[in-house]
Amino acid sequence: MGISSAGAVVDEFQRLPDNWAGNGVLVAVGSGYGIVDRVFDRNSSLLGLFMPMEVGVISYEDVLSRVGDPLLSALLRDPCTAT
């Protein structure tokens, strides 16, 4: 399984097969702290390949001001449902 040289976003990247490869930018998304702890553990073979970035819940008011729809804003404020 390969990744294009342009890059890829992989949600739940812990499900990738062991033989994946690529030479572009990989954005690996994991929704639980358990996977983050395993990747950044000092014994992890992936240590040094990723940089952590936490994405929190967006305020309802910020989403509503951009989207304008109250129901859609409630759904889109969570980064996991916006993708």
Protein backbone atom coordinates (compact mmCIF):
# COMPACT_ATOMS: atom_id res chain seq x y z
CA MET A 1 0.00 0.00 0.00
CA GLY A 2 1.57 3.28 -1.02
CA ILE A 3 1.01 6.96 -0.40
CA SER A 4 1.41 9.52 -3.18
CA SER A 5 4.31 11.96 -3.11
CA ALA A 6 1.81 14.80 -2.60
CA GLY A 7 0.68 13.43 0.74
CA ALA A 8 -2.23 11.86 2.52
CA VAL A 9 -4.40 12.24 5.59
CA VAL A 10 -5.04 8.95 7.35
CA ASP A 11 -7.72 8.78 10.03
CA GLU A 12 -7.26 5.99 12.59
CA PHE A 13 -3.76 5.42 11.23
CA GLN A 14 -3.12 2.59 13.70
CA ARG A 15 -5.15 0.40 11.32
CA LEU A 16 -2.63 0.77 8.49
CA PRO A 17 -0.90 -2.45 7.47
CA ASP A 18 2.72 -2.86 8.53
CA ASN A 19 3.94 -2.65 4.92
CA TRP A 20 2.63 0.81 4.02
CA ALA A 21 5.16 3.21 2.56
CA GLY A 22 5.35 6.64 1.03
CA ASN A 23 7.56 9.65 0.54
CA GLY A 24 5.09 12.54 0.86
CA VAL A 25 3.55 14.31 3.80
CA LEU A 26 1.53 12.03 6.06
CA VAL A 27 -0.99 13.48 8.48
CA ALA A 28 -1.87 10.66 10.86
CA VAL A 29 -5.06 11.20 12.87
CA GLY A 30 -5.81 9.26 16.01
CA SER A 31 -8.80 10.07 18.17
CA GLY A 32 -7.65 8.50 21.42
CA TYR A 33 -4.86 9.29 23.83
CA GLY A 34 -3.97 5.59 23.94
CA ILE A 35 -2.61 5.59 20.38
CA VAL A 36 -0.81 8.88 21.00
CA ASP A 37 0.87 7.39 24.07
CA ARG A 38 2.01 4.35 22.05
CA VAL A 39 3.44 6.45 19.19
CA PHE A 40 5.34 8.80 21.49
CA ASP A 41 6.53 6.13 23.91
CA ARG A 42 10.34 6.09 24.21
CA ASN A 43 10.39 2.51 22.87
CA SER A 44 8.17 3.20 19.83
CA SER A 45 9.61 2.55 16.37
CA LEU A 46 7.59 5.59 15.20
CA LEU A 47 9.19 7.97 17.70
CA GLY A 48 10.59 10.99 15.89
CA LEU A 49 8.45 10.54 12.77
CA PHE A 50 5.44 12.53 13.99
CA MET A 51 4.79 15.79 15.78
CA PRO A 52 1.81 15.90 18.15
CA MET A 53 -0.89 18.49 17.68
CA GLU A 54 -4.06 18.53 19.75
CA VAL A 55 -7.18 19.85 18.05
CA GLY A 56 -9.84 20.78 20.55
CA VAL A 57 -13.54 21.32 20.19
CA ILE A 58 -14.37 24.55 18.36
CA SER A 59 -16.75 26.93 20.12
CA TYR A 60 -20.34 26.83 18.92
CA GLU A 61 -20.35 30.60 18.47
CA ASP A 62 -17.31 30.49 16.15
CA VAL A 63 -18.86 27.82 13.96
CA LEU A 64 -22.26 29.53 13.91
CA SER A 65 -20.70 32.82 12.82
CA ARG A 66 -19.09 31.04 9.83
CA VAL A 67 -21.82 28.55 8.88
CA GLY A 68 -24.99 30.39 9.88
CA ASP A 69 -27.01 27.20 10.46
CA PRO A 70 -27.62 26.39 14.17
CA LEU A 71 -28.07 22.63 13.69
CA LEU A 72 -25.13 22.24 11.32
CA SER A 73 -23.00 24.36 13.64
CA ALA A 74 -23.70 21.99 16.53
CA LEU A 75 -22.46 19.07 14.41
CA LEU A 76 -19.42 20.79 12.92
CA ARG A 77 -17.99 22.11 16.18
CA ASP A 78 -16.43 18.71 16.91
CA PRO A 79 -13.35 18.22 14.69
CA CYS A 80 -14.10 14.48 14.44
CA THR A 81 -17.46 15.07 12.75
CA ALA A 82 -16.23 17.86 10.48
CA THR A 83 -14.05 15.59 8.36
